[in-house]
Amino acid sequence: MEAANQAPDSIPSTPARHSPALSYASEPQMLQEDGWRDILPNLLTKTDFEALSDRLGRVVREEVAQLRADMVNMEARMSVAEAETKALRTDLEHTNTAVTGQEADMAYLTTWIDDLDNRGRRLNLRVRRVREGGPSENIPDTLRQIFTQTGPGPNNAEEIRRSPKLSTYPRPPANTSTRLANKVVPPATTRTAATTQTGSEPPRAPAPAPP
């Protein structure tokens, strides 16, 4: 009886180590511990984070420096483009001014030519079916004709040589014209009287030119 009464008291309070209940309760914990053991070696350390941060900062600094260089280059190119644009604008203004001046000159020349044409039409009437202009004149023949019409002259060099000059004529006395006007003197007597008074024979008159 005593043994029977003590049997329940001898039952252990904790289950056995290899009981199914113990193995069921401890399996997730064991799996979790095994997973952490696999993950922990692959986690980044502080040194890895510092190296990664340095690398990222270096890349960012290089990119920023490249952007700054590109901006400086772009500013230089923009300055050159602005200078070229300003020069082209100045050239365009000069060209427009020159074209305006040429247009004014063309208008003035056109008006001047029209005025000359109108004056020419008023002064020189044009007749239909009559050709303008005429045969060209021969200047030597025209001069010879003018000289022939104005008066006769010596025809050869001999007559030119024998023709007296004004400086070789003897000066007549002061009363010759009065004495000759009062009486008629024959040609021979007149010549003798003139020779006696002047001491030289008066020159003969030049022969008349042939017609």
N, C-alpha and C. Protein backbone atom coordinates (compact mmCIF):
# COMPACT_ATOMS: atom_id res chain seq x y z
N MET A 1 0.83 -1.20 0.00
CA MET A 1 0.00 0.00 0.00
C MET A 1 0.86 1.26 0.00
N GLU A 2 1.85 1.15 0.83
CA GLU A 2 2.74 2.32 0.89
C GLU A 2 3.47 2.52 -0.43
N ALA A 3 3.81 1.41 -1.01
CA ALA A 3 4.49 1.53 -2.31
C ALA A 3 3.57 2.11 -3.36
N ALA A 4 2.30 1.71 -3.27
CA ALA A 4 1.34 2.24 -4.24
C ALA A 4 1.08 3.71 -4.03
N ASN A 5 1.06 4.06 -2.71
CA ASN A 5 0.82 5.48 -2.43
C ASN A 5 2.02 6.36 -2.84
N GLN A 6 3.20 5.80 -2.79
CA GLN A 6 4.39 6.59 -3.13
C GLN A 6 4.69 6.62 -4.63
N ALA A 7 4.00 5.87 -5.42
CA ALA A 7 4.30 5.81 -6.86
C ALA A 7 4.06 7.13 -7.56
N PRO A 8 2.93 7.77 -7.24
CA PRO A 8 2.75 9.04 -7.94
C PRO A 8 3.77 10.08 -7.55
N ASP A 9 4.22 9.98 -6.26
CA ASP A 9 5.20 10.98 -5.83
C ASP A 9 6.56 10.77 -6.49
N SER A 10 6.85 9.62 -6.98
CA SER A 10 8.16 9.35 -7.59
C SER A 10 8.23 9.74 -9.07
N ILE A 11 7.15 10.26 -9.65
CA ILE A 11 7.15 10.66 -11.08
C ILE A 11 7.95 11.95 -11.21
N PRO A 12 8.92 12.02 -12.07
CA PRO A 12 9.75 13.24 -12.20
C PRO A 12 8.90 14.41 -12.68
N SER A 13 9.27 15.59 -12.20
CA SER A 13 8.51 16.81 -12.55
C SER A 13 8.85 17.33 -13.95
N THR A 14 10.05 17.03 -14.46
CA THR A 14 10.46 17.49 -15.80
C THR A 14 10.48 16.33 -16.75
N PRO A 15 10.14 16.53 -17.95
CA PRO A 15 10.16 15.43 -18.91
C PRO A 15 11.58 15.01 -19.24
N ALA A 16 11.67 13.92 -19.87
CA ALA A 16 12.99 13.40 -20.24
C ALA A 16 13.60 14.27 -21.35
N ARG A 17 14.93 14.21 -21.48
CA ARG A 17 15.67 15.06 -22.43
C ARG A 17 15.32 14.69 -23.85
N HIS A 18 15.09 13.50 -24.12
CA HIS A 18 14.85 13.04 -25.50
C HIS A 18 13.39 12.77 -25.75
N SER A 19 12.58 13.42 -25.01
CA SER A 19 11.16 13.21 -25.21
C SER A 19 10.69 13.96 -26.45
N PRO A 20 9.61 13.56 -27.05
CA PRO A 20 9.11 14.25 -28.24
C PRO A 20 8.73 15.68 -27.97
N ALA A 21 8.20 15.94 -26.81
CA ALA A 21 7.79 17.32 -26.49
C ALA A 21 9.00 18.23 -26.44
N LEU A 22 10.09 17.80 -25.87
CA LEU A 22 11.31 18.62 -25.76
C LEU A 22 11.91 18.87 -27.15
N SER A 23 11.94 17.83 -27.96
CA SER A 23 12.51 18.01 -29.30
C SER A 23 11.65 18.95 -30.15
N TYR A 24 10.36 18.95 -29.98
CA TYR A 24 9.46 19.82 -30.74
C TYR A 24 9.60 21.28 -30.30
N ALA A 25 9.79 21.46 -29.01
CA ALA A 25 9.89 22.82 -28.49
C ALA A 25 11.24 23.45 -28.80
N SER A 26 12.31 22.75 -28.91
CA SER A 26 13.65 23.32 -29.10
C SER A 26 14.08 23.38 -30.56
N GLU A 27 13.35 22.86 -31.54
CA GLU A 27 13.77 22.84 -32.95
C GLU A 27 13.81 24.24 -33.56
N PRO A 28 12.83 25.16 -33.42
CA PRO A 28 12.94 26.51 -33.98
C PRO A 28 14.12 27.28 -33.42
N GLN A 29 14.35 27.12 -32.12
CA GLN A 29 15.47 27.83 -31.52
C GLN A 29 16.78 27.36 -32.10
N MET A 30 16.92 26.07 -32.33
CA MET A 30 18.14 25.53 -32.91
C MET A 30 18.32 26.03 -34.36
N LEU A 31 17.20 26.03 -35.10
CA LEU A 31 17.29 26.54 -36.47
C LEU A 31 17.69 28.02 -36.49
N GLN A 32 17.13 28.81 -35.55
CA GLN A 32 17.46 30.23 -35.49
C GLN A 32 18.93 30.44 -35.15
N GLU A 33 19.43 29.68 -34.26
CA GLU A 33 20.84 29.80 -33.90
C GLU A 33 21.73 29.40 -35.07
N ASP A 34 21.36 28.34 -35.79
CA ASP A 34 22.15 27.94 -36.95
C ASP A 34 22.12 29.02 -38.05
N GLY A 35 20.95 29.68 -38.27
CA GLY A 35 20.86 30.74 -39.28
C GLY A 35 21.75 31.93 -38.93
N TRP A 36 21.74 32.33 -37.69
CA TRP A 36 22.60 33.46 -37.28
C TRP A 36 24.07 33.11 -37.45
N ARG A 37 24.37 31.84 -37.16
CA ARG A 37 25.77 31.44 -37.35
C ARG A 37 26.18 31.56 -38.82
N ASP A 38 25.24 31.29 -39.77
CA ASP A 38 25.56 31.43 -41.19
C ASP A 38 25.58 32.89 -41.66
N ILE A 39 24.77 33.73 -41.05
CA ILE A 39 24.64 35.12 -41.49
C ILE A 39 25.73 36.01 -40.92
N LEU A 40 26.08 35.77 -39.67
CA LEU A 40 27.04 36.66 -39.01
C LEU A 40 28.37 36.78 -39.75
N PRO A 41 28.93 35.69 -40.29
CA PRO A 41 30.20 35.88 -41.01
C PRO A 41 30.08 36.76 -42.27
N ASN A 42 28.85 36.83 -42.84
CA ASN A 42 28.66 37.61 -44.07
C ASN A 42 28.26 39.06 -43.82
N LEU A 43 28.02 39.43 -42.60
CA LEU A 43 27.64 40.81 -42.30
C LEU A 43 28.85 41.73 -42.44
N LEU A 44 28.57 43.04 -42.87
CA LEU A 44 29.62 44.04 -43.02
C LEU A 44 30.05 44.56 -41.67
N THR A 45 31.32 44.75 -41.57
CA THR A 45 31.87 45.29 -40.33
C THR A 45 32.02 46.81 -40.44
N LYS A 46 32.47 47.42 -39.37
CA LYS A 46 32.67 48.87 -39.36
C LYS A 46 33.73 49.28 -40.39
N THR A 47 34.75 48.46 -40.52
CA THR A 47 35.80 48.76 -41.50
C THR A 47 35.25 48.71 -42.92
N ASP A 48 34.38 47.69 -43.15
CA ASP A 48 33.76 47.61 -44.48
C ASP A 48 32.90 48.83 -44.77
N PHE A 49 32.13 49.27 -43.76
CA PHE A 49 31.30 50.46 -43.94
C PHE A 49 32.16 51.69 -44.20
N GLU A 50 33.26 51.83 -43.50
CA GLU A 50 34.14 52.98 -43.72
C GLU A 50 34.76 52.95 -45.12
N ALA A 51 35.19 51.75 -45.56
CA ALA A 51 35.75 51.65 -46.91
C ALA A 51 34.71 51.97 -47.97
N LEU A 52 33.48 51.45 -47.75
CA LEU A 52 32.41 51.72 -48.71
C LEU A 52 32.07 53.22 -48.74
N SER A 53 32.05 53.83 -47.56
CA SER A 53 31.77 55.26 -47.50
C SER A 53 32.86 56.08 -48.20
N ASP A 54 34.12 55.68 -47.98
CA ASP A 54 35.21 56.39 -48.66
C ASP A 54 35.12 56.24 -50.18
N ARG A 55 34.81 55.03 -50.61
CA ARG A 55 34.70 54.80 -52.06
C ARG A 55 33.55 55.62 -52.66
N LEU A 56 32.42 55.62 -51.97
CA LEU A 56 31.28 56.39 -52.46
C LEU A 56 31.59 57.89 -52.49
N GLY A 57 32.25 58.37 -51.44
CA GLY A 57 32.62 59.79 -51.41
C GLY A 57 33.60 60.14 -52.53
N ARG A 58 34.56 59.23 -52.80
CA ARG A 58 35.51 59.48 -53.88
C ARG A 58 34.81 59.54 -55.23
N VAL A 59 33.88 58.65 -55.46
CA VAL A 59 33.14 58.65 -56.73
C VAL A 59 32.32 59.93 -56.87
N VAL A 60 31.68 60.33 -55.77
CA VAL A 60 30.87 61.55 -55.82
C VAL A 60 31.75 62.77 -56.09
N ARG A 61 32.91 62.82 -55.42
CA ARG A 61 33.81 63.95 -55.64
C ARG A 61 34.32 63.99 -57.08
N GLU A 62 34.64 62.83 -57.64
CA GLU A 62 35.08 62.81 -59.04
C GLU A 62 33.98 63.29 -59.99
N GLU A 63 32.77 62.85 -59.72
CA GLU A 63 31.66 63.27 -60.58
C GLU A 63 31.42 64.78 -60.47
N VAL A 64 31.49 65.30 -59.25
CA VAL A 64 31.28 66.74 -59.05
C VAL A 64 32.39 67.54 -59.74
N ALA A 65 33.65 67.06 -59.63
CA ALA A 65 34.75 67.75 -60.30
C ALA A 65 34.57 67.74 -61.82
N GLN A 66 34.11 66.62 -62.36
CA GLN A 66 33.86 66.54 -63.79
C GLN A 66 32.75 67.50 -64.22
N LEU A 67 31.70 67.58 -63.38
CA LEU A 67 30.62 68.51 -63.68
C LEU A 67 31.11 69.96 -63.66
N ARG A 68 31.97 70.27 -62.68
CA ARG A 68 32.50 71.63 -62.61
C ARG A 68 33.36 71.95 -63.85
N ALA A 69 34.19 70.99 -64.26
CA ALA A 69 35.00 71.21 -65.46
C ALA A 69 34.12 71.40 -66.69
N ASP A 70 33.06 70.60 -66.79
CA ASP A 70 32.15 70.76 -67.92
C ASP A 70 31.46 72.13 -67.89
N MET A 71 31.10 72.59 -66.70
CA MET A 71 30.46 73.90 -66.59
C MET A 71 31.42 75.02 -66.99
N VAL A 72 32.69 74.92 -66.56
CA VAL A 72 33.68 75.93 -66.95
C VAL A 72 33.88 75.93 -68.46
N ASN A 73 33.99 74.74 -69.04
CA ASN A 73 34.15 74.65 -70.50
C ASN A 73 32.93 75.21 -71.23
N MET A 74 31.76 74.94 -70.69
CA MET A 74 30.55 75.46 -71.31
C MET A 74 30.49 76.98 -71.21
N GLU A 75 30.93 77.54 -70.08
CA GLU A 75 30.95 78.99 -69.95
C GLU A 75 31.91 79.62 -70.95
N ALA A 76 33.08 78.98 -71.14
CA ALA A 76 34.03 79.51 -72.12
C ALA A 76 33.45 79.46 -73.54
N ARG A 77 32.81 78.35 -73.86
CA ARG A 77 32.20 78.24 -75.18
C ARG A 77 31.07 79.25 -75.37
N MET A 78 30.31 79.49 -74.31
CA MET A 78 29.24 80.48 -74.39
C MET A 78 29.81 81.89 -74.59
N SER A 79 30.94 82.18 -73.94
CA SER A 79 31.57 83.50 -74.12
C SER A 79 32.03 83.68 -75.56
N VAL A 80 32.65 82.62 -76.13
CA VAL A 80 33.09 82.70 -77.52
C VAL A 80 31.90 82.87 -78.46
N ALA A 81 30.83 82.12 -78.19
CA ALA A 81 29.64 82.23 -79.04
C ALA A 81 29.02 83.63 -78.95
N GLU A 82 29.00 84.21 -77.75
CA GLU A 82 28.46 85.56 -77.59
C GLU A 82 29.32 86.58 -78.34
N ALA A 83 30.65 86.43 -78.27
CA ALA A 83 31.53 87.35 -78.99
C ALA A 83 31.32 87.24 -80.50
N GLU A 84 31.21 86.01 -81.01
CA GLU A 84 30.98 85.83 -82.44
C GLU A 84 29.62 86.39 -82.86
N THR A 85 28.62 86.19 -82.01
CA THR A 85 27.29 86.73 -82.32
C THR A 85 27.32 88.26 -82.35
N LYS A 86 28.04 88.86 -81.41
CA LYS A 86 28.16 90.32 -81.39
C LYS A 86 28.87 90.83 -82.63
N ALA A 87 29.96 90.14 -83.03
CA ALA A 87 30.68 90.55 -84.24
C ALA A 87 29.79 90.42 -85.49
N LEU A 88 29.05 89.32 -85.56
CA LEU A 88 28.15 89.14 -86.70
C LEU A 88 27.06 90.20 -86.72
N ARG A 89 26.57 90.57 -85.55
CA ARG A 89 25.55 91.61 -85.49
C ARG A 89 26.10 92.95 -85.96
N THR A 90 27.34 93.25 -85.54
CA THR A 90 27.98 94.50 -85.99
C THR A 90 28.18 94.49 -87.51
N ASP A 91 28.67 93.36 -88.04
CA ASP A 91 28.84 93.26 -89.50
C ASP A 91 27.52 93.41 -90.23
N LEU A 92 26.47 92.85 -89.66
CA LEU A 92 25.15 92.96 -90.29
C LEU A 92 24.67 94.40 -90.30
N GLU A 93 24.92 95.13 -89.21
CA GLU A 93 24.53 96.54 -89.17
C GLU A 93 25.30 97.34 -90.23
N HIS A 94 26.62 97.09 -90.33
CA HIS A 94 27.41 97.78 -91.35
C HIS A 94 26.92 97.44 -92.76
N THR A 95 26.59 96.17 -92.96
CA THR A 95 26.10 95.75 -94.29
C THR A 95 24.77 96.42 -94.61
N ASN A 96 23.88 96.49 -93.63
CA ASN A 96 22.60 97.15 -93.86
C ASN A 96 22.79 98.63 -94.17
N THR A 97 23.74 99.27 -93.45
CA THR A 97 24.01 100.69 -93.72
C THR A 97 24.56 100.87 -95.14
N ALA A 98 25.50 99.99 -95.54
CA ALA A 98 26.06 100.09 -96.89
C ALA A 98 24.99 99.85 -97.95
N VAL A 99 24.13 98.87 -97.72
CA VAL A 99 23.07 98.59 -98.69
C VAL A 99 22.11 99.77 -98.80
N THR A 100 21.80 100.38 -97.65
CA THR A 100 20.92 101.56 -97.68
C THR A 100 21.55 102.70 -98.47
N GLY A 101 22.86 102.92 -98.25
CA GLY A 101 23.55 103.96 -99.02
C GLY A 101 23.58 103.67 -100.50
N GLN A 102 23.82 102.40 -100.86
CA GLN A 102 23.83 102.04 -102.28
C GLN A 102 22.44 102.20 -102.91
N GLU A 103 21.42 101.87 -102.16
CA GLU A 103 20.07 102.06 -102.68
C GLU A 103 19.78 103.54 -102.92
N ALA A 104 20.23 104.40 -101.99
CA ALA A 104 20.04 105.84 -102.19
C ALA A 104 20.82 106.33 -103.41
N ASP A 105 22.05 105.85 -103.57
CA ASP A 105 22.84 106.23 -104.74
C ASP A 105 22.19 105.75 -106.03
N MET A 106 21.67 104.53 -106.02
CA MET A 106 21.01 104.02 -107.22
C MET A 106 19.78 104.85 -107.56
N ALA A 107 19.01 105.24 -106.54
CA ALA A 107 17.83 106.07 -106.80
C ALA A 107 18.23 107.42 -107.37
N TYR A 108 19.30 108.00 -106.81
CA TYR A 108 19.76 109.31 -107.32
C TYR A 108 20.26 109.19 -108.76
N LEU A 109 21.04 108.15 -109.05
CA LEU A 109 21.54 107.97 -110.41
C LEU A 109 20.40 107.71 -111.40
N THR A 110 19.41 106.94 -110.96
CA THR A 110 18.27 106.68 -111.84
C THR A 110 17.52 107.97 -112.17
N THR A 111 17.29 108.79 -111.13
CA THR A 111 16.63 110.08 -111.36
C THR A 111 17.45 110.98 -112.27
N TRP A 112 18.77 110.98 -112.06
CA TRP A 112 19.65 111.83 -112.87
C TRP A 112 19.65 111.38 -114.33
N ILE A 113 19.70 110.08 -114.56
CA ILE A 113 19.69 109.56 -115.93
C ILE A 113 18.35 109.86 -116.61
N ASP A 114 17.25 109.70 -115.87
CA ASP A 114 15.95 110.04 -116.44
C ASP A 114 15.87 111.52 -116.81
N ASP A 115 16.41 112.37 -115.95
CA ASP A 115 16.40 113.80 -116.24
C ASP A 115 17.23 114.12 -117.49
N LEU A 116 18.41 113.48 -117.58
CA LEU A 116 19.23 113.70 -118.77
C LEU A 116 18.53 113.20 -120.03
N ASP A 117 17.87 112.06 -119.92
CA ASP A 117 17.16 111.52 -121.07
C ASP A 117 16.03 112.45 -121.49
N ASN A 118 15.29 112.96 -120.50
CA ASN A 118 14.19 113.87 -120.82
C ASN A 118 14.71 115.16 -121.45
N ARG A 119 15.81 115.70 -120.90
CA ARG A 119 16.37 116.91 -121.49
C ARG A 119 16.87 116.65 -122.91
N GLY A 120 17.50 115.49 -123.11
CA GLY A 120 17.96 115.17 -124.46
C GLY A 120 16.81 115.04 -125.44
N ARG A 121 15.69 114.48 -124.98
CA ARG A 121 14.54 114.36 -125.87
C ARG A 121 13.94 115.74 -126.20
N ARG A 122 13.97 116.65 -125.21
CA ARG A 122 13.43 117.99 -125.48
C ARG A 122 14.34 118.80 -126.40
N LEU A 123 15.66 118.68 -126.20
CA LEU A 123 16.58 119.47 -127.01
C LEU A 123 16.79 118.87 -128.39
N ASN A 124 16.84 117.59 -128.47
CA ASN A 124 17.08 116.91 -129.75
C ASN A 124 15.83 116.10 -130.10
N LEU A 125 15.02 116.67 -130.97
CA LEU A 125 13.80 115.98 -131.37
C LEU A 125 14.14 114.79 -132.24
N ARG A 126 13.49 113.72 -131.98
CA ARG A 126 13.71 112.51 -132.75
C ARG A 126 12.56 112.32 -133.73
N VAL A 127 12.91 112.11 -134.98
CA VAL A 127 11.92 111.91 -136.03
C VAL A 127 11.87 110.43 -136.36
N ARG A 128 10.68 109.95 -136.50
CA ARG A 128 10.53 108.53 -136.82
C ARG A 128 11.08 108.23 -138.21
N ARG A 129 11.64 107.05 -138.32
CA ARG A 129 12.18 106.52 -139.58
C ARG A 129 13.36 107.34 -140.09
N VAL A 130 13.96 108.12 -139.22
CA VAL A 130 15.16 108.87 -139.59
C VAL A 130 16.27 108.43 -138.65
N ARG A 131 17.30 107.93 -139.24
CA ARG A 131 18.39 107.43 -138.43
C ARG A 131 19.11 108.59 -137.75
N GLU A 132 19.44 108.38 -136.49
CA GLU A 132 20.15 109.41 -135.75
C GLU A 132 21.62 109.40 -136.14
N GLY A 133 22.20 110.59 -136.11
CA GLY A 133 23.60 110.69 -136.48
C GLY A 133 23.76 110.80 -137.99
N GLY A 134 24.95 111.14 -138.42
CA GLY A 134 25.24 111.28 -139.84
C GLY A 134 26.63 110.80 -140.15
N PRO A 135 27.03 111.01 -141.40
CA PRO A 135 28.40 110.58 -141.75
C PRO A 135 29.42 111.42 -141.01
N SER A 136 30.47 110.80 -140.63
CA SER A 136 31.53 111.50 -139.91
C SER A 136 32.28 112.44 -140.85
N GLU A 137 32.61 113.63 -140.35
CA GLU A 137 33.30 114.62 -141.15
C GLU A 137 34.80 114.41 -141.09
N ASN A 138 35.44 114.73 -142.22
CA ASN A 138 36.89 114.67 -142.28
C ASN A 138 37.43 116.04 -141.86
N ILE A 139 38.07 116.08 -140.72
CA ILE A 139 38.50 117.36 -140.15
C ILE A 139 39.49 118.09 -141.06
N PRO A 140 40.52 117.45 -141.62
CA PRO A 140 41.42 118.20 -142.53
C PRO A 140 40.71 118.80 -143.73
N ASP A 141 39.80 118.02 -144.35
CA ASP A 141 39.07 118.56 -145.50
C ASP A 141 38.19 119.73 -145.09
N THR A 142 37.57 119.63 -143.94
CA THR A 142 36.71 120.72 -143.47
C THR A 142 37.52 121.99 -143.22
N LEU A 143 38.69 121.85 -142.59
CA LEU A 143 39.53 123.02 -142.36
C LEU A 143 40.02 123.63 -143.66
N ARG A 144 40.39 122.80 -144.62
CA ARG A 144 40.85 123.30 -145.92
C ARG A 144 39.73 124.06 -146.63
N GLN A 145 38.51 123.54 -146.52
CA GLN A 145 37.38 124.21 -147.14
C GLN A 145 37.10 125.56 -146.47
N ILE A 146 37.24 125.60 -145.15
CA ILE A 146 37.01 126.87 -144.44
C ILE A 146 38.05 127.90 -144.83
N PHE A 147 39.31 127.47 -144.89
CA PHE A 147 40.36 128.40 -145.26
C PHE A 147 40.21 128.89 -146.70
N THR A 148 39.72 128.04 -147.59
CA THR A 148 39.53 128.44 -148.98
C THR A 148 38.40 129.45 -149.11
N GLN A 149 37.33 129.27 -148.31
CA GLN A 149 36.19 130.17 -148.40
C GLN A 149 36.44 131.51 -147.73
N THR A 150 37.26 131.56 -146.72
CA THR A 150 37.50 132.83 -146.01
C THR A 150 38.30 133.82 -146.83
N GLY A 151 39.19 133.38 -147.69
CA GLY A 151 39.96 134.33 -148.48
C GLY A 151 41.09 133.65 -149.20
N PRO A 152 41.55 134.28 -150.34
CA PRO A 152 42.66 133.66 -151.08
C PRO A 152 43.97 133.81 -150.34
N GLY A 153 44.87 132.96 -150.63
CA GLY A 153 46.18 133.00 -150.01
C GLY A 153 47.23 132.50 -150.98
N PRO A 154 48.49 132.56 -150.62
CA PRO A 154 49.55 132.05 -151.51
C PRO A 154 49.39 130.57 -151.75
N ASN A 155 49.67 130.20 -153.00
CA ASN A 155 49.49 128.81 -153.39
C ASN A 155 50.76 127.99 -153.33
N ASN A 156 51.92 128.64 -153.31
CA ASN A 156 53.15 127.85 -153.29
C ASN A 156 54.15 128.53 -152.37
N ALA A 157 55.25 127.83 -152.15
CA ALA A 157 56.28 128.35 -151.25
C ALA A 157 56.99 129.55 -151.84
N GLU A 158 57.08 129.64 -153.19
CA GLU A 158 57.78 130.77 -153.82
C GLU A 158 57.05 132.07 -153.54
N GLU A 159 55.75 132.06 -153.68
CA GLU A 159 54.97 133.26 -153.40
C GLU A 159 55.01 133.61 -151.92
N ILE A 160 55.05 132.62 -151.09
CA ILE A 160 55.14 132.90 -149.66
C ILE A 160 56.47 133.56 -149.35
N ARG A 161 57.54 133.10 -150.01
CA ARG A 161 58.86 133.68 -149.75
C ARG A 161 58.94 135.11 -150.27
N ARG A 162 58.30 135.38 -151.43
CA ARG A 162 58.38 136.71 -152.03
C ARG A 162 57.38 137.69 -151.44
N SER A 163 56.42 137.23 -150.72
CA SER A 163 55.43 138.17 -150.17
C SER A 163 56.08 139.04 -149.12
N PRO A 164 55.92 140.39 -149.23
CA PRO A 164 56.59 141.29 -148.29
C PRO A 164 55.96 141.21 -146.91
N LYS A 165 56.76 141.54 -145.95
CA LYS A 165 56.28 141.63 -144.59
C LYS A 165 55.92 143.07 -144.27
N LEU A 166 55.13 143.26 -143.27
CA LEU A 166 54.73 144.61 -142.89
C LEU A 166 55.91 145.43 -142.40
N SER A 167 56.88 144.78 -141.78
CA SER A 167 58.02 145.53 -141.23
C SER A 167 58.97 146.04 -142.32
N THR A 168 58.90 145.47 -143.58
CA THR A 168 59.80 145.90 -144.67
C THR A 168 59.23 147.05 -145.49
N TYR A 169 57.97 147.39 -145.29
CA TYR A 169 57.40 148.50 -146.04
C TYR A 169 58.02 149.82 -145.58
N PRO A 170 58.45 150.73 -146.54
CA PRO A 170 58.95 152.05 -146.11
C PRO A 170 57.82 152.94 -145.63
N ARG A 171 58.08 153.69 -144.62
CA ARG A 171 57.06 154.58 -144.09
C ARG A 171 56.91 155.79 -145.01
N PRO A 172 55.75 156.12 -145.55
CA PRO A 172 55.56 157.28 -146.44
C PRO A 172 55.62 158.57 -145.65
N PRO A 173 55.91 159.68 -146.34
CA PRO A 173 55.92 160.97 -145.65
C PRO A 173 54.54 161.37 -145.16
N ALA A 174 54.49 162.31 -144.28
CA ALA A 174 53.23 162.69 -143.65
C ALA A 174 52.28 163.35 -144.62
N ASN A 175 52.78 164.12 -145.65
CA ASN A 175 51.90 164.86 -146.55
C ASN A 175 51.65 164.13 -147.86
N THR A 176 51.98 162.84 -147.93
CA THR A 176 51.81 162.11 -149.19
C THR A 176 50.35 161.93 -149.51
N SER A 177 49.58 161.56 -148.54
CA SER A 177 48.17 161.32 -148.80
C SER A 177 47.47 162.60 -149.21
N THR A 178 47.86 163.74 -148.63
CA THR A 178 47.21 165.02 -149.00
C THR A 178 47.59 165.45 -150.40
N ARG A 179 48.87 165.30 -150.76
CA ARG A 179 49.32 165.70 -152.09
C ARG A 179 48.73 164.82 -153.16
N LEU A 180 48.65 163.52 -152.89
CA LEU A 180 48.09 162.61 -153.89
C LEU A 180 46.59 162.80 -154.02
N ALA A 181 45.96 163.25 -152.99
CA ALA A 181 44.52 163.48 -153.08
C ALA A 181 44.19 164.72 -153.91
N ASN A 182 45.12 165.71 -153.99
CA ASN A 182 44.85 166.94 -154.72
C ASN A 182 45.10 166.80 -156.22
N LYS A 183 45.98 165.95 -156.64
CA LYS A 183 46.28 165.83 -158.06
C LYS A 183 46.48 164.37 -158.42
N VAL A 184 46.34 164.07 -159.65
CA VAL A 184 46.50 162.71 -160.16
C VAL A 184 47.89 162.60 -160.70
N VAL A 185 48.66 161.66 -160.26
CA VAL A 185 50.04 161.46 -160.68
C VAL A 185 50.10 160.18 -161.49
N PRO A 186 50.76 160.20 -162.64
CA PRO A 186 50.89 158.96 -163.40
C PRO A 186 51.68 157.92 -162.60
N PRO A 187 51.54 156.67 -162.97
CA PRO A 187 52.24 155.63 -162.20
C PRO A 187 53.73 155.80 -162.24
N ALA A 188 54.34 156.07 -163.41
CA ALA A 188 55.80 156.21 -163.49
C ALA A 188 56.26 157.42 -162.71
N THR A 189 55.55 158.57 -162.86
CA THR A 189 55.92 159.78 -162.14
C THR A 189 55.80 159.58 -160.65
N THR A 190 54.74 158.91 -160.23
CA THR A 190 54.54 158.66 -158.79
C THR A 190 55.65 157.80 -158.25
N ARG A 191 56.06 156.79 -159.03
CA ARG A 191 57.13 155.93 -158.57
C ARG A 191 58.44 156.68 -158.49
N THR A 192 58.73 157.57 -159.51
CA THR A 192 59.97 158.35 -159.48
C THR A 192 59.98 159.33 -158.34
N ALA A 193 58.83 159.96 -158.09
CA ALA A 193 58.77 160.92 -156.98
C ALA A 193 58.97 160.22 -155.66
N ALA A 194 58.35 159.07 -155.53
CA ALA A 194 58.52 158.34 -154.27
C ALA A 194 59.94 157.89 -154.10
N THR A 195 60.61 157.51 -155.22
CA THR A 195 62.00 157.10 -155.11
C THR A 195 62.89 158.26 -154.75
N THR A 196 62.60 159.46 -155.34
CA THR A 196 63.43 160.63 -155.03
C THR A 196 63.28 161.05 -153.58
N GLN A 197 62.06 160.99 -153.04
CA GLN A 197 61.83 161.45 -151.68
C GLN A 197 62.37 160.46 -150.65
N THR A 198 62.15 159.20 -150.87
CA THR A 198 62.54 158.19 -149.87
C THR A 198 63.91 157.64 -150.10
N GLY A 199 64.46 157.78 -151.32
CA GLY A 199 65.77 157.24 -151.62
C GLY A 199 65.76 155.78 -152.00
N SER A 200 64.60 155.17 -152.09
CA SER A 200 64.49 153.75 -152.48
C SER A 200 63.20 153.55 -153.21
N GLU A 201 63.18 152.57 -154.06
CA GLU A 201 61.98 152.29 -154.85
C GLU A 201 60.97 151.57 -153.97
N PRO A 202 59.72 152.01 -154.03
CA PRO A 202 58.71 151.32 -153.21
C PRO A 202 58.52 149.89 -153.69
N PRO A 203 58.18 148.99 -152.80
CA PRO A 203 58.00 147.58 -153.21
C PRO A 203 56.77 147.41 -154.06
N ARG A 204 56.85 146.40 -154.88
CA ARG A 204 55.72 146.09 -155.74
C ARG A 204 54.64 145.36 -154.95
N ALA A 205 53.44 145.56 -155.41
CA ALA A 205 52.32 144.87 -154.76
C ALA A 205 52.37 143.39 -155.10
N PRO A 206 51.98 142.56 -154.22
CA PRO A 206 52.01 141.11 -154.51
C PRO A 206 51.03 140.74 -155.59
N ALA A 207 51.39 139.71 -156.32
CA ALA A 207 50.53 139.26 -157.40
C ALA A 207 49.25 138.69 -156.83
N PRO A 208 48.14 138.97 -157.50
CA PRO A 208 46.86 138.41 -156.98
C PRO A 208 46.84 136.89 -157.09
N ALA A 209 46.18 136.30 -156.16
CA ALA A 209 46.09 134.83 -156.15
C ALA A 209 45.15 134.37 -157.23
N PRO A 210 45.44 133.25 -157.84
CA PRO A 210 44.53 132.73 -158.87
C PRO A 210 43.22 132.32 -158.25
N PRO A 211 42.17 132.40 -159.00
CA PRO A 211 40.86 132.02 -158.42
C PRO A 211 40.79 130.53 -158.13
